[in-house]
């Protein structure tokens, strides 16, 4: 198990026996030194999760010449609304750039490509990554009230293939792709990255990097942990078994922990140790499973913060989210 070499906090010996990095959230600034010169300065973080889109849908220019193209339709499934994504493009790209695909959370039942956790302006966060030379896509997918599993996964796969097919249009290197998800989006991102060769007709390169923030990886254990009733109910709606036990075959098919192969991408897992929505044991168990398969993986646990890295106050929440951003930027710089 690898951990971030420049993180100067102590290794944390967990009950599962893996060396992981445990970073005190309030001292994030001295812990990460990224090769990508990623800066969190000025990124707004609220004291609680932001649930609504705070801006109009329109083209927007960010600092460092980053531009955004909004509401690009990548698919229109039969009988459903058009599915869209936003693209964040670096200024005057030279050659083909690596691609980051972001998949939002929201319990599979809500969420939007421009909202994430406690960030006040998530598009500005994505633009920071574009300013480092990445092409960044943030996508919308069918929610559980519209279509049950595996529809959302099919949408993510379709978006990835759509982007790779148009790599020349947007200056993308299709062989250098990261998929990043948060919460429910992590489950979708993980399946898309780990089970890349799901179709015999697929010829495009698979993801090189998977980034997960407070993700869900094993439904068979999640649905038994009654402390987390809200995410259990959301999972049942998503898996089309809202009123009773889900079939074991469905739980297994939807669980990324069952889809780890030798060719898996490099993986970064970040989770708050006080998460009251998704247990941090989900990321710990995933890290252990990745290690058994010999996959290059990093587990970063942030103490005293809950889901979306929300802490006891706004200062703690901002520090934890900054730490996660710095770790993500460093991991991308090293592996993508």
C-alpha atoms as a PDB file:
ATOM      1  CA  UNK A   1       0.000   0.000   0.000  1.00  0.00           C
ATOM      2  CA  UNK A   2       1.445   3.318  -1.055  1.00  0.00           C
ATOM      3  CA  UNK A   3       0.858   6.623   0.637  1.00  0.00           C
ATOM      4  CA  UNK A   4       1.593  10.196  -0.304  1.00  0.00           C
ATOM      5  CA  UNK A   5       5.311  10.660   0.082  1.00  0.00           C
ATOM      6  CA  UNK A   6       5.202  14.359   0.928  1.00  0.00           C
ATOM      7  CA  UNK A   7       2.540  14.027   3.627  1.00  0.00           C
ATOM      8  CA  UNK A   8       4.402  14.703   6.852  1.00  0.00           C
ATOM      9  CA  UNK A   9       1.754  13.473   9.265  1.00  0.00           C
ATOM     10  CA  UNK A  10       2.067  10.146  11.005  1.00  0.00           C
ATOM     11  CA  UNK A  11       1.118   6.844   9.451  1.00  0.00           C
ATOM     12  CA  UNK A  12      -2.066   5.591  11.040  1.00  0.00           C
ATOM     13  CA  UNK A  13      -2.196   1.931  12.035  1.00  0.00           C
ATOM     14  CA  UNK A  14      -5.797   0.901  11.467  1.00  0.00           C
ATOM     15  CA  UNK A  15      -7.516  -2.238  12.634  1.00  0.00           C
ATOM     16  CA  UNK A  16      -7.187  -3.718   9.149  1.00  0.00           C
ATOM     17  CA  UNK A  17      -3.416  -3.562   9.447  1.00  0.00           C
ATOM     18  CA  UNK A  18      -2.735  -1.330   6.443  1.00  0.00           C
ATOM     19  CA  UNK A  19      -0.367   1.662   6.477  1.00  0.00           C
ATOM     20  CA  UNK A  20      -2.500   4.659   5.578  1.00  0.00           C
ATOM     21  CA  UNK A  21      -2.051   8.380   5.901  1.00  0.00           C
ATOM     22  CA  UNK A  22      -3.973  10.093   8.670  1.00  0.00           C
ATOM     23  CA  UNK A  23      -3.789  13.849   8.208  1.00  0.00           C
ATOM     24  CA  UNK A  24      -5.011  16.282  10.886  1.00  0.00           C
ATOM     25  CA  UNK A  25      -7.387  18.467   8.920  1.00  0.00           C
ATOM     26  CA  UNK A  26      -6.434  21.738  10.605  1.00  0.00           C
ATOM     27  CA  UNK A  27      -2.803  21.540   9.537  1.00  0.00           C
ATOM     28  CA  UNK A  28      -3.322  20.676   5.883  1.00  0.00           C
ATOM     29  CA  UNK A  29      -1.195  23.513   4.519  1.00  0.00           C
ATOM     30  CA  UNK A  30       2.170  22.050   5.493  1.00  0.00           C
ATOM     31  CA  UNK A  31       1.360  18.489   4.525  1.00  0.00           C
ATOM     32  CA  UNK A  32       1.239  18.509   0.765  1.00  0.00           C
ATOM     33  CA  UNK A  33       3.731  19.722  -1.769  1.00  0.00           C
ATOM     34  CA  UNK A  34       2.356  19.146  -5.231  1.00  0.00           C
ATOM     35  CA  UNK A  35       4.375  19.018  -8.388  1.00  0.00           C
ATOM     36  CA  UNK A  36       1.458  20.601 -10.262  1.00  0.00           C
ATOM     37  CA  UNK A  37       1.580  23.903  -8.324  1.00  0.00           C
ATOM     38  CA  UNK A  38      -2.088  23.457  -7.501  1.00  0.00           C
ATOM     39  CA  UNK A  39      -3.378  26.253  -5.290  1.00  0.00           C
ATOM     40  CA  UNK A  40      -6.445  26.170  -3.050  1.00  0.00           C
ATOM     41  CA  UNK A  41      -6.167  29.888  -2.310  1.00  0.00           C
ATOM     42  CA  UNK A  42      -9.492  31.646  -2.743  1.00  0.00           C
ATOM     43  CA  UNK A  43     -11.578  28.478  -3.157  1.00  0.00           C
ATOM     44  CA  UNK A  44     -14.763  29.033  -1.182  1.00  0.00           C
ATOM     45  CA  UNK A  45     -15.895  26.319   1.234  1.00  0.00           C
ATOM     46  CA  UNK A  46     -19.085  26.683   3.277  1.00  0.00           C
ATOM     47  CA  UNK A  47     -19.749  25.173   6.687  1.00  0.00           C
ATOM     48  CA  UNK A  48     -22.255  22.686   5.274  1.00  0.00           C
ATOM     49  CA  UNK A  49     -23.119  20.835   2.096  1.00  0.00           C
ATOM     50  CA  UNK A  50     -24.369  22.955  -0.807  1.00  0.00           C
ATOM     51  CA  UNK A  51     -27.467  21.409  -2.388  1.00  0.00           C
ATOM     52  CA  UNK A  52     -28.329  23.718  -5.280  1.00  0.00           C
ATOM     53  CA  UNK A  53     -26.575  25.097  -8.334  1.00  0.00           C
ATOM     54  CA  UNK A  54     -25.537  28.657  -7.555  1.00  0.00           C
ATOM     55  CA  UNK A  55     -24.999  29.919 -11.100  1.00  0.00           C
ATOM     56  CA  UNK A  56     -26.750  30.215 -14.433  1.00  0.00           C
ATOM     57  CA  UNK A  57     -25.987  27.844 -17.267  1.00  0.00           C
ATOM     58  CA  UNK A  58     -23.770  29.837 -19.587  1.00  0.00           C
ATOM     59  CA  UNK A  59     -20.250  29.939 -20.980  1.00  0.00           C
ATOM     60  CA  UNK A  60     -17.823  31.277 -18.421  1.00  0.00           C
ATOM     61  CA  UNK A  61     -14.215  32.375 -18.424  1.00  0.00           C
ATOM     62  CA  UNK A  62     -12.117  31.606 -15.359  1.00  0.00           C
ATOM     63  CA  UNK A  63      -8.683  32.726 -14.237  1.00  0.00           C
ATOM     64  CA  UNK A  64      -5.627  31.573 -16.195  1.00  0.00           C
ATOM     65  CA  UNK A  65      -7.660  31.643 -19.395  1.00  0.00           C
ATOM     66  CA  UNK A  66      -9.734  28.550 -18.621  1.00  0.00           C
ATOM     67  CA  UNK A  67     -13.016  28.457 -20.543  1.00  0.00           C
ATOM     68  CA  UNK A  68     -16.100  26.344 -19.974  1.00  0.00           C
ATOM     69  CA  UNK A  69     -18.566  24.880 -22.433  1.00  0.00           C
ATOM     70  CA  UNK A  70     -21.888  24.059 -20.767  1.00  0.00           C
ATOM     71  CA  UNK A  71     -24.685  21.553 -21.264  1.00  0.00           C
ATOM     72  CA  UNK A  72     -23.113  19.591 -24.103  1.00  0.00           C
ATOM     73  CA  UNK A  73     -25.444  16.696 -24.904  1.00  0.00           C
ATOM     74  CA  UNK A  74     -23.544  13.414 -24.947  1.00  0.00           C
ATOM     75  CA  UNK A  75     -26.563  11.069 -25.113  1.00  0.00           C
ATOM     76  CA  UNK A  76     -30.347  10.957 -25.164  1.00  0.00           C
ATOM     77  CA  UNK A  77     -31.489   7.547 -23.933  1.00  0.00           C
ATOM     78  CA  UNK A  78     -34.834   6.374 -25.291  1.00  0.00           C
ATOM     79  CA  UNK A  79     -37.662   7.885 -23.284  1.00  0.00           C
ATOM     80  CA  UNK A  80     -35.377  10.041 -21.143  1.00  0.00           C
ATOM     81  CA  UNK A  81     -34.074  13.595 -20.999  1.00  0.00           C
ATOM     82  CA  UNK A  82     -30.906  14.584 -22.831  1.00  0.00           C
ATOM     83  CA  UNK A  83     -27.815  13.902 -20.747  1.00  0.00           C
ATOM     84  CA  UNK A  84     -25.260  16.684 -20.583  1.00  0.00           C
ATOM     85  CA  UNK A  85     -21.750  17.477 -19.499  1.00  0.00           C
ATOM     86  CA  UNK A  86     -19.677  20.609 -18.982  1.00  0.00           C
ATOM     87  CA  UNK A  87     -16.149  20.922 -20.342  1.00  0.00           C
ATOM     88  CA  UNK A  88     -13.371  23.026 -18.798  1.00  0.00           C
ATOM     89  CA  UNK A  89     -10.612  23.747 -21.295  1.00  0.00           C
ATOM     90  CA  UNK A  90      -7.130  25.063 -20.525  1.00  0.00           C
ATOM     91  CA  UNK A  91      -5.893  28.144 -22.300  1.00  0.00           C
ATOM     92  CA  UNK A  92      -4.346  27.490 -25.718  1.00  0.00           C
ATOM     93  CA  UNK A  93      -3.671  23.766 -25.225  1.00  0.00           C
ATOM     94  CA  UNK A  94      -0.427  22.568 -26.759  1.00  0.00           C
ATOM     95  CA  UNK A  95      -0.842  19.044 -28.023  1.00  0.00           C
ATOM     96  CA  UNK A  96      -3.245  16.643 -26.383  1.00  0.00           C
ATOM     97  CA  UNK A  97      -3.920  17.022 -22.672  1.00  0.00           C
ATOM     98  CA  UNK A  98      -4.881  14.467 -20.008  1.00  0.00           C
ATOM     99  CA  UNK A  99      -8.588  14.183 -19.246  1.00  0.00           C
ATOM    100  CA  UNK A 100     -10.363  14.251 -15.872  1.00  0.00           C
ATOM    101  CA  UNK A 101     -13.959  13.029 -15.802  1.00  0.00           C
ATOM    102  CA  UNK A 102     -15.904  14.032 -12.668  1.00  0.00           C
ATOM    103  CA  UNK A 103     -19.023  12.118 -11.526  1.00  0.00           C
ATOM    104  CA  UNK A 104     -21.174  13.911  -8.932  1.00  0.00           C
ATOM    105  CA  UNK A 105     -22.739  12.406  -5.826  1.00  0.00           C
ATOM    106  CA  UNK A 106     -26.198  12.746  -4.327  1.00  0.00           C
ATOM    107  CA  UNK A 107     -27.284   9.256  -3.313  1.00  0.00           C
ATOM    108  CA  UNK A 108     -27.977   8.415  -6.993  1.00  0.00           C
ATOM    109  CA  UNK A 109     -31.225  10.391  -6.557  1.00  0.00           C
ATOM    110  CA  UNK A 110     -30.060  14.016  -6.783  1.00  0.00           C
ATOM    111  CA  UNK A 111     -27.014  16.107  -7.550  1.00  0.00           C
ATOM    112  CA  UNK A 112     -25.616  18.079 -10.452  1.00  0.00           C
ATOM    113  CA  UNK A 113     -22.402  18.410 -12.417  1.00  0.00           C
ATOM    114  CA  UNK A 114     -21.790  21.876 -10.910  1.00  0.00           C
ATOM    115  CA  UNK A 115     -22.319  21.008  -7.251  1.00  0.00           C
ATOM    116  CA  UNK A 116     -20.049  19.071  -4.884  1.00  0.00           C
ATOM    117  CA  UNK A 117     -20.086  18.913  -1.115  1.00  0.00           C
ATOM    118  CA  UNK A 118     -19.418  22.142   0.732  1.00  0.00           C
ATOM    119  CA  UNK A 119     -17.729  23.964  -2.162  1.00  0.00           C
ATOM    120  CA  UNK A 120     -19.399  27.312  -2.763  1.00  0.00           C
ATOM    121  CA  UNK A 121     -18.422  27.387  -6.443  1.00  0.00           C
ATOM    122  CA  UNK A 122     -17.518  23.915  -7.640  1.00  0.00           C
ATOM    123  CA  UNK A 123     -17.041  24.988 -11.279  1.00  0.00           C
ATOM    124  CA  UNK A 124     -14.201  27.209 -10.049  1.00  0.00           C
ATOM    125  CA  UNK A 125     -12.649  24.140  -8.416  1.00  0.00           C
ATOM    126  CA  UNK A 126     -12.793  22.182 -11.659  1.00  0.00           C
ATOM    127  CA  UNK A 127     -11.353  25.190 -13.464  1.00  0.00           C
ATOM    128  CA  UNK A 128      -8.338  25.085 -11.119  1.00  0.00           C
ATOM    129  CA  UNK A 129      -7.541  21.625 -12.449  1.00  0.00           C
ATOM    130  CA  UNK A 130      -7.994  22.832 -16.035  1.00  0.00           C
ATOM    131  CA  UNK A 131      -5.547  25.641 -15.265  1.00  0.00           C
ATOM    132  CA  UNK A 132      -2.961  22.938 -14.552  1.00  0.00           C
ATOM    133  CA  UNK A 133      -3.320  21.662 -18.117  1.00  0.00           C
ATOM    134  CA  UNK A 134      -6.092  19.084 -17.780  1.00  0.00           C
ATOM    135  CA  UNK A 135      -9.240  18.964 -19.865  1.00  0.00           C
ATOM    136  CA  UNK A 136     -11.994  18.470 -17.286  1.00  0.00           C
ATOM    137  CA  UNK A 137     -15.464  17.074 -17.916  1.00  0.00           C
ATOM    138  CA  UNK A 138     -18.234  17.048 -15.306  1.00  0.00           C
ATOM    139  CA  UNK A 139     -21.295  15.046 -16.258  1.00  0.00           C
ATOM    140  CA  UNK A 140     -24.930  14.496 -15.393  1.00  0.00           C
ATOM    141  CA  UNK A 141     -26.535  11.055 -15.515  1.00  0.00           C
ATOM    142  CA  UNK A 142     -29.945   9.449 -14.995  1.00  0.00           C
ATOM    143  CA  UNK A 143     -31.006   9.480 -11.361  1.00  0.00           C
ATOM    144  CA  UNK A 144     -32.626   6.596  -9.510  1.00  0.00           C
ATOM    145  CA  UNK A 145     -36.141   8.012  -9.887  1.00  0.00           C
ATOM    146  CA  UNK A 146     -35.629   8.010 -13.653  1.00  0.00           C
ATOM    147  CA  UNK A 147     -33.942   4.637 -14.114  1.00  0.00           C
ATOM    148  CA  UNK A 148     -32.465   2.033 -11.792  1.00  0.00           C
ATOM    149  CA  UNK A 149     -29.048   0.379 -11.869  1.00  0.00           C
ATOM    150  CA  UNK A 150     -27.222  -0.064 -14.197  1.00  0.00           C
ATOM    151  CA  UNK A 151     -28.588   2.928 -16.140  1.00  0.00           C
ATOM    152  CA  UNK A 152     -26.431   5.569 -14.423  1.00  0.00           C
ATOM    153  CA  UNK A 153     -23.353   3.397 -14.952  1.00  0.00           C
ATOM    154  CA  UNK A 154     -24.229   3.054 -18.627  1.00  0.00           C
ATOM    155  CA  UNK A 155     -24.470   6.842 -18.816  1.00  0.00           C
ATOM    156  CA  UNK A 156     -21.014   7.328 -17.297  1.00  0.00           C
ATOM    157  CA  UNK A 157     -19.551   4.799 -19.709  1.00  0.00           C
ATOM    158  CA  UNK A 158     -21.293   6.499 -22.621  1.00  0.00           C
ATOM    159  CA  UNK A 159     -19.928   9.900 -21.583  1.00  0.00           C
ATOM    160  CA  UNK A 160     -16.394   8.526 -21.317  1.00  0.00           C
ATOM    161  CA  UNK A 161     -16.627   6.923 -24.749  1.00  0.00           C
ATOM    162  CA  UNK A 162     -18.148  10.119 -26.197  1.00  0.00           C
ATOM    163  CA  UNK A 163     -15.219  12.155 -24.888  1.00  0.00           C
ATOM    164  CA  UNK A 164     -12.621   9.709 -26.125  1.00  0.00           C
ATOM    165  CA  UNK A 165     -14.195   9.562 -29.578  1.00  0.00           C
ATOM    166  CA  UNK A 166     -13.970  13.365 -29.789  1.00  0.00           C
ATOM    167  CA  UNK A 167     -10.494  13.690 -28.328  1.00  0.00           C
ATOM    168  CA  UNK A 168      -9.215  15.625 -31.339  1.00  0.00           C
ATOM    169  CA  UNK A 169     -12.008  18.198 -31.018  1.00  0.00           C
ATOM    170  CA  UNK A 170     -11.040  19.082 -27.444  1.00  0.00           C
ATOM    171  CA  UNK A 171      -7.295  18.389 -27.431  1.00  0.00           C
ATOM    172  CA  UNK A 172      -7.561  15.284 -25.235  1.00  0.00           C
ATOM    173  CA  UNK A 173      -5.069  12.452 -24.944  1.00  0.00           C
ATOM    174  CA  UNK A 174      -7.478   9.480 -24.636  1.00  0.00           C
ATOM    175  CA  UNK A 175      -4.768   7.285 -23.138  1.00  0.00           C
ATOM    176  CA  UNK A 176      -4.356   9.623 -20.137  1.00  0.00           C
ATOM    177  CA  UNK A 177      -7.691   9.696 -18.360  1.00  0.00           C
ATOM    178  CA  UNK A 178      -8.711   9.913 -14.713  1.00  0.00           C
ATOM    179  CA  UNK A 179     -12.216   9.266 -13.405  1.00  0.00           C
ATOM    180  CA  UNK A 180     -13.066  11.073 -10.165  1.00  0.00           C
ATOM    181  CA  UNK A 181     -16.233  10.574  -8.179  1.00  0.00           C
ATOM    182  CA  UNK A 182     -17.643  11.588  -4.826  1.00  0.00           C
ATOM    183  CA  UNK A 183     -20.028   9.533  -2.672  1.00  0.00           C
ATOM    184  CA  UNK A 184     -22.518   7.787  -4.994  1.00  0.00           C
ATOM    185  CA  UNK A 185     -20.483   9.166  -7.889  1.00  0.00           C
ATOM    186  CA  UNK A 186     -17.490   7.246  -6.572  1.00  0.00           C
ATOM    187  CA  UNK A 187     -19.373   3.981  -6.975  1.00  0.00           C
ATOM    188  CA  UNK A 188     -20.146   4.864 -10.584  1.00  0.00           C
ATOM    189  CA  UNK A 189     -16.627   6.139 -11.263  1.00  0.00           C
ATOM    190  CA  UNK A 190     -15.093   3.025  -9.732  1.00  0.00           C
ATOM    191  CA  UNK A 191     -17.181   0.632 -11.805  1.00  0.00           C
ATOM    192  CA  UNK A 192     -16.453   2.608 -14.972  1.00  0.00           C
ATOM    193  CA  UNK A 193     -12.717   2.558 -14.256  1.00  0.00           C
ATOM    194  CA  UNK A 194     -12.351  -0.971 -12.883  1.00  0.00           C
ATOM    195  CA  UNK A 195     -14.711  -2.740 -15.279  1.00  0.00           C
ATOM    196  CA  UNK A 196     -13.514  -0.868 -18.334  1.00  0.00           C
ATOM    197  CA  UNK A 197     -13.541  -3.786 -20.755  1.00  0.00           C
ATOM    198  CA  UNK A 198     -17.197  -4.567 -20.143  1.00  0.00           C
ATOM    199  CA  UNK A 199     -17.881  -4.753 -23.872  1.00  0.00           C
ATOM    200  CA  UNK A 200     -16.041  -6.808 -26.456  1.00  0.00           C
ATOM    201  CA  UNK A 201     -16.530  -3.900 -28.878  1.00  0.00           C
ATOM    202  CA  UNK A 202     -14.670  -1.387 -26.722  1.00  0.00           C
ATOM    203  CA  UNK A 203     -11.268  -0.429 -28.121  1.00  0.00           C
ATOM    204  CA  UNK A 204     -10.564   2.897 -26.360  1.00  0.00           C
ATOM    205  CA  UNK A 205      -7.969   3.044 -23.562  1.00  0.00           C
ATOM    206  CA  UNK A 206      -9.093   2.489 -19.983  1.00  0.00           C
ATOM    207  CA  UNK A 207      -8.645   5.035 -17.202  1.00  0.00           C
ATOM    208  CA  UNK A 208      -5.158   5.367 -15.728  1.00  0.00           C
ATOM    209  CA  UNK A 209      -6.346   6.900 -12.451  1.00  0.00           C
ATOM    210  CA  UNK A 210      -9.376   6.524 -10.188  1.00  0.00           C
ATOM    211  CA  UNK A 211     -10.054   9.148  -7.511  1.00  0.00           C
ATOM    212  CA  UNK A 212     -12.691   8.448  -4.868  1.00  0.00           C
ATOM    213  CA  UNK A 213     -13.978  10.825  -2.220  1.00  0.00           C
ATOM    214  CA  UNK A 214     -16.048   9.126   0.531  1.00  0.00           C
ATOM    215  CA  UNK A 215     -17.111   6.360  -1.815  1.00  0.00           C
ATOM    216  CA  UNK A 216     -19.296   3.242  -1.707  1.00  0.00           C
ATOM    217  CA  UNK A 217     -17.689  -0.001  -2.825  1.00  0.00           C
ATOM    218  CA  UNK A 218     -19.452  -2.962  -1.229  1.00  0.00           C
ATOM    219  CA  UNK A 219     -23.240  -2.983  -1.051  1.00  0.00           C
ATOM    220  CA  UNK A 220     -23.366  -6.403   0.587  1.00  0.00           C
ATOM    221  CA  UNK A 221     -21.768  -5.007   3.756  1.00  0.00           C
ATOM    222  CA  UNK A 222     -23.317  -1.542   3.506  1.00  0.00           C
ATOM    223  CA  UNK A 223     -26.923  -2.732   3.600  1.00  0.00           C
ATOM    224  CA  UNK A 224     -26.237  -4.644   6.827  1.00  0.00           C
ATOM    225  CA  UNK A 225     -24.936  -1.631   8.743  1.00  0.00           C
ATOM    226  CA  UNK A 226     -28.140  -0.186  10.168  1.00  0.00           C
ATOM    227  CA  UNK A 227     -26.336   2.890  11.531  1.00  0.00           C
ATOM    228  CA  UNK A 228     -26.410   4.274   7.986  1.00  0.00           C
ATOM    229  CA  UNK A 229     -30.125   4.050   7.233  1.00  0.00           C
ATOM    230  CA  UNK A 230     -30.270   6.951   4.764  1.00  0.00           C
ATOM    231  CA  UNK A 231     -27.648   5.616   2.361  1.00  0.00           C
ATOM    232  CA  UNK A 232     -29.083   2.096   2.715  1.00  0.00           C
ATOM    233  CA  UNK A 233     -32.494   3.330   1.587  1.00  0.00           C
ATOM    234  CA  UNK A 234     -30.924   5.335  -1.246  1.00  0.00           C
ATOM    235  CA  UNK A 235     -29.003   2.221  -2.288  1.00  0.00           C
ATOM    236  CA  UNK A 236     -32.160   0.141  -2.367  1.00  0.00           C
ATOM    237  CA  UNK A 237     -33.934   2.664  -4.569  1.00  0.00           C
ATOM    238  CA  UNK A 238     -30.926   2.783  -6.875  1.00  0.00           C
ATOM    239  CA  UNK A 239     -30.723  -1.010  -7.087  1.00  0.00           C
ATOM    240  CA  UNK A 240     -34.492  -1.293  -7.687  1.00  0.00           C
ATOM    241  CA  UNK A 241     -35.310  -3.119  -4.459  1.00  0.00           C
ATOM    242  CA  UNK A 242     -36.783  -0.314  -2.279  1.00  0.00           C
ATOM    243  CA  UNK A 243     -39.203  -2.455  -0.287  1.00  0.00           C
ATOM    244  CA  UNK A 244     -37.159  -5.498   0.569  1.00  0.00           C
ATOM    245  CA  UNK A 245     -33.803  -7.240   0.426  1.00  0.00           C
ATOM    246  CA  UNK A 246     -31.836  -6.781  -2.781  1.00  0.00           C
ATOM    247  CA  UNK A 247     -30.788  -9.873  -4.686  1.00  0.00           C
ATOM    248  CA  UNK A 248     -27.242 -10.976  -3.921  1.00  0.00           C
ATOM    249  CA  UNK A 249     -26.423 -10.959  -7.622  1.00  0.00           C
ATOM    250  CA  UNK A 250     -27.463  -7.307  -7.882  1.00  0.00           C
ATOM    251  CA  UNK A 251     -25.453  -6.295  -4.811  1.00  0.00           C
ATOM    252  CA  UNK A 252     -22.383  -8.039  -6.196  1.00  0.00           C
ATOM    253  CA  UNK A 253     -22.749  -6.607  -9.701  1.00  0.00           C
ATOM    254  CA  UNK A 254     -23.053  -3.051  -8.359  1.00  0.00           C
ATOM    255  CA  UNK A 255     -20.133  -3.347  -5.910  1.00  0.00           C
ATOM    256  CA  UNK A 256     -16.795  -2.113  -7.297  1.00  0.00           C
ATOM    257  CA  UNK A 257     -14.940  -4.256  -4.758  1.00  0.00           C
ATOM    258  CA  UNK A 258     -15.941  -7.272  -6.873  1.00  0.00           C
ATOM    259  CA  UNK A 259     -14.533  -5.845 -10.088  1.00  0.00           C
ATOM    260  CA  UNK A 260     -10.841  -5.400  -9.295  1.00  0.00           C
ATOM    261  CA  UNK A 261      -8.495  -6.849 -11.890  1.00  0.00           C
ATOM    262  CA  UNK A 262      -4.765  -6.918 -12.408  1.00  0.00           C
ATOM    263  CA  UNK A 263      -5.029  -4.075 -14.933  1.00  0.00           C
ATOM    264  CA  UNK A 264      -6.825  -1.725 -12.537  1.00  0.00           C
ATOM    265  CA  UNK A 265      -5.778   1.949 -12.575  1.00  0.00           C
ATOM    266  CA  UNK A 266      -3.870   3.709  -9.825  1.00  0.00           C
ATOM    267  CA  UNK A 267      -6.363   4.536  -7.080  1.00  0.00           C
ATOM    268  CA  UNK A 268      -6.652   7.308  -4.490  1.00  0.00           C
ATOM    269  CA  UNK A 269      -9.290   6.841  -1.774  1.00  0.00           C
ATOM    270  CA  UNK A 270     -10.085   9.728   0.603  1.00  0.00           C
ATOM    271  CA  UNK A 271     -12.608   9.425   3.414  1.00  0.00           C
ATOM    272  CA  UNK A 272     -13.551  11.256   6.593  1.00  0.00           C
ATOM    273  CA  UNK A 273     -13.111   9.054   9.641  1.00  0.00           C
ATOM    274  CA  UNK A 274     -16.235  10.506  11.282  1.00  0.00           C
ATOM    275  CA  UNK A 275     -18.442  10.046   8.207  1.00  0.00           C
ATOM    276  CA  UNK A 276     -22.077   9.675   9.326  1.00  0.00           C
ATOM    277  CA  UNK A 277     -23.453   8.987   5.825  1.00  0.00           C
ATOM    278  CA  UNK A 278     -21.075   6.430   4.288  1.00  0.00           C
ATOM    279  CA  UNK A 279     -18.852   4.482   6.698  1.00  0.00           C
ATOM    280  CA  UNK A 280     -15.135   5.019   6.207  1.00  0.00           C
ATOM    281  CA  UNK A 281     -14.805   1.225   6.386  1.00  0.00           C
ATOM    282  CA  UNK A 282     -16.039   1.200   2.788  1.00  0.00           C
ATOM    283  CA  UNK A 283     -12.815   2.888   1.656  1.00  0.00           C
ATOM    284  CA  UNK A 284     -10.673   0.880   4.071  1.00  0.00           C
ATOM    285  CA  UNK A 285     -12.047  -2.423   2.782  1.00  0.00           C
ATOM    286  CA  UNK A 286     -11.578  -1.268  -0.816  1.00  0.00           C
ATOM    287  CA  UNK A 287      -7.971  -0.351  -0.106  1.00  0.00           C
ATOM    288  CA  UNK A 288      -7.378  -3.783   1.378  1.00  0.00           C
ATOM    289  CA  UNK A 289      -8.973  -5.488  -1.638  1.00  0.00           C
ATOM    290  CA  UNK A 290      -6.870  -3.418  -4.044  1.00  0.00           C
ATOM    291  CA  UNK A 291      -3.747  -4.362  -2.127  1.00  0.00           C
ATOM    292  CA  UNK A 292      -4.572  -8.068  -2.375  1.00  0.00           C
ATOM    293  CA  UNK A 293      -4.729  -7.685  -6.158  1.00  0.00           C
ATOM    294  CA  UNK A 294      -1.433  -5.809  -6.307  1.00  0.00           C
ATOM    295  CA  UNK A 295      -3.028  -2.554  -7.446  1.00  0.00           C
ATOM    296  CA  UNK A 296      -1.232   0.724  -6.753  1.00  0.00           C
ATOM    297  CA  UNK A 297      -3.473   2.488  -4.249  1.00  0.00           C
ATOM    298  CA  UNK A 298      -3.421   5.221  -1.637  1.00  0.00           C
ATOM    299  CA  UNK A 299      -5.817   5.523   1.289  1.00  0.00           C
ATOM    300  CA  UNK A 300      -6.086   8.932   2.951  1.00  0.00           C
ATOM    301  CA  UNK A 301      -8.224   9.160   6.096  1.00  0.00           C
ATOM    302  CA  UNK A 302      -9.148  12.575   7.479  1.00  0.00           C
ATOM    303  CA  UNK A 303     -10.026  12.530  11.189  1.00  0.00           C
ATOM    304  CA  UNK A 304     -12.914  14.419  12.790  1.00  0.00           C
ATOM    305  CA  UNK A 305     -14.777  15.142   9.546  1.00  0.00           C
ATOM    306  CA  UNK A 306     -17.969  13.603   8.232  1.00  0.00           C
ATOM    307  CA  UNK A 307     -19.416  13.185   4.749  1.00  0.00           C
ATOM    308  CA  UNK A 308     -18.290  15.782   2.211  1.00  0.00           C
ATOM    309  CA  UNK A 309     -15.424  16.427   4.652  1.00  0.00           C
ATOM    310  CA  UNK A 310     -17.700  18.557   6.823  1.00  0.00           C
ATOM    311  CA  UNK A 311     -16.105  19.257  10.203  1.00  0.00           C
ATOM    312  CA  UNK A 312     -17.206  20.834  13.460  1.00  0.00           C
ATOM    313  CA  UNK A 313     -17.108  24.333  11.961  1.00  0.00           C
ATOM    314  CA  UNK A 314     -16.391  26.169   8.745  1.00  0.00           C
ATOM    315  CA  UNK A 315     -12.655  26.351   9.419  1.00  0.00           C
ATOM    316  CA  UNK A 316     -12.371  22.594   9.886  1.00  0.00           C
ATOM    317  CA  UNK A 317     -14.519  21.930   6.817  1.00  0.00           C
ATOM    318  CA  UNK A 318     -12.430  24.223   4.640  1.00  0.00           C
ATOM    319  CA  UNK A 319      -9.175  22.726   5.868  1.00  0.00           C
ATOM    320  CA  UNK A 320     -10.310  19.155   5.231  1.00  0.00           C
ATOM    321  CA  UNK A 321     -11.579  19.957   1.745  1.00  0.00           C
ATOM    322  CA  UNK A 322      -8.353  21.787   0.939  1.00  0.00           C
ATOM    323  CA  UNK A 323      -6.372  18.771   2.114  1.00  0.00           C
ATOM    324  CA  UNK A 324      -8.415  16.488  -0.139  1.00  0.00           C
ATOM    325  CA  UNK A 325      -7.924  18.821  -3.103  1.00  0.00           C
ATOM    326  CA  UNK A 326      -4.165  19.010  -2.546  1.00  0.00           C
ATOM    327  CA  UNK A 327      -3.897  15.236  -2.276  1.00  0.00           C
ATOM    328  CA  UNK A 328      -5.983  14.782  -5.408  1.00  0.00           C
ATOM    329  CA  UNK A 329      -3.893  17.240  -7.394  1.00  0.00           C
ATOM    330  CA  UNK A 330      -0.661  15.598  -6.262  1.00  0.00           C
ATOM    331  CA  UNK A 331      -1.900  12.097  -7.089  1.00  0.00           C
ATOM    332  CA  UNK A 332      -3.002  13.186 -10.549  1.00  0.00           C
ATOM    333  CA  UNK A 333       0.338  14.874 -11.146  1.00  0.00           C
ATOM    334  CA  UNK A 334       2.215  11.723 -10.191  1.00  0.00           C
ATOM    335  CA  UNK A 335       0.057   9.107 -11.934  1.00  0.00           C
ATOM    336  CA  UNK A 336      -1.597  10.802 -14.908  1.00  0.00           C
END
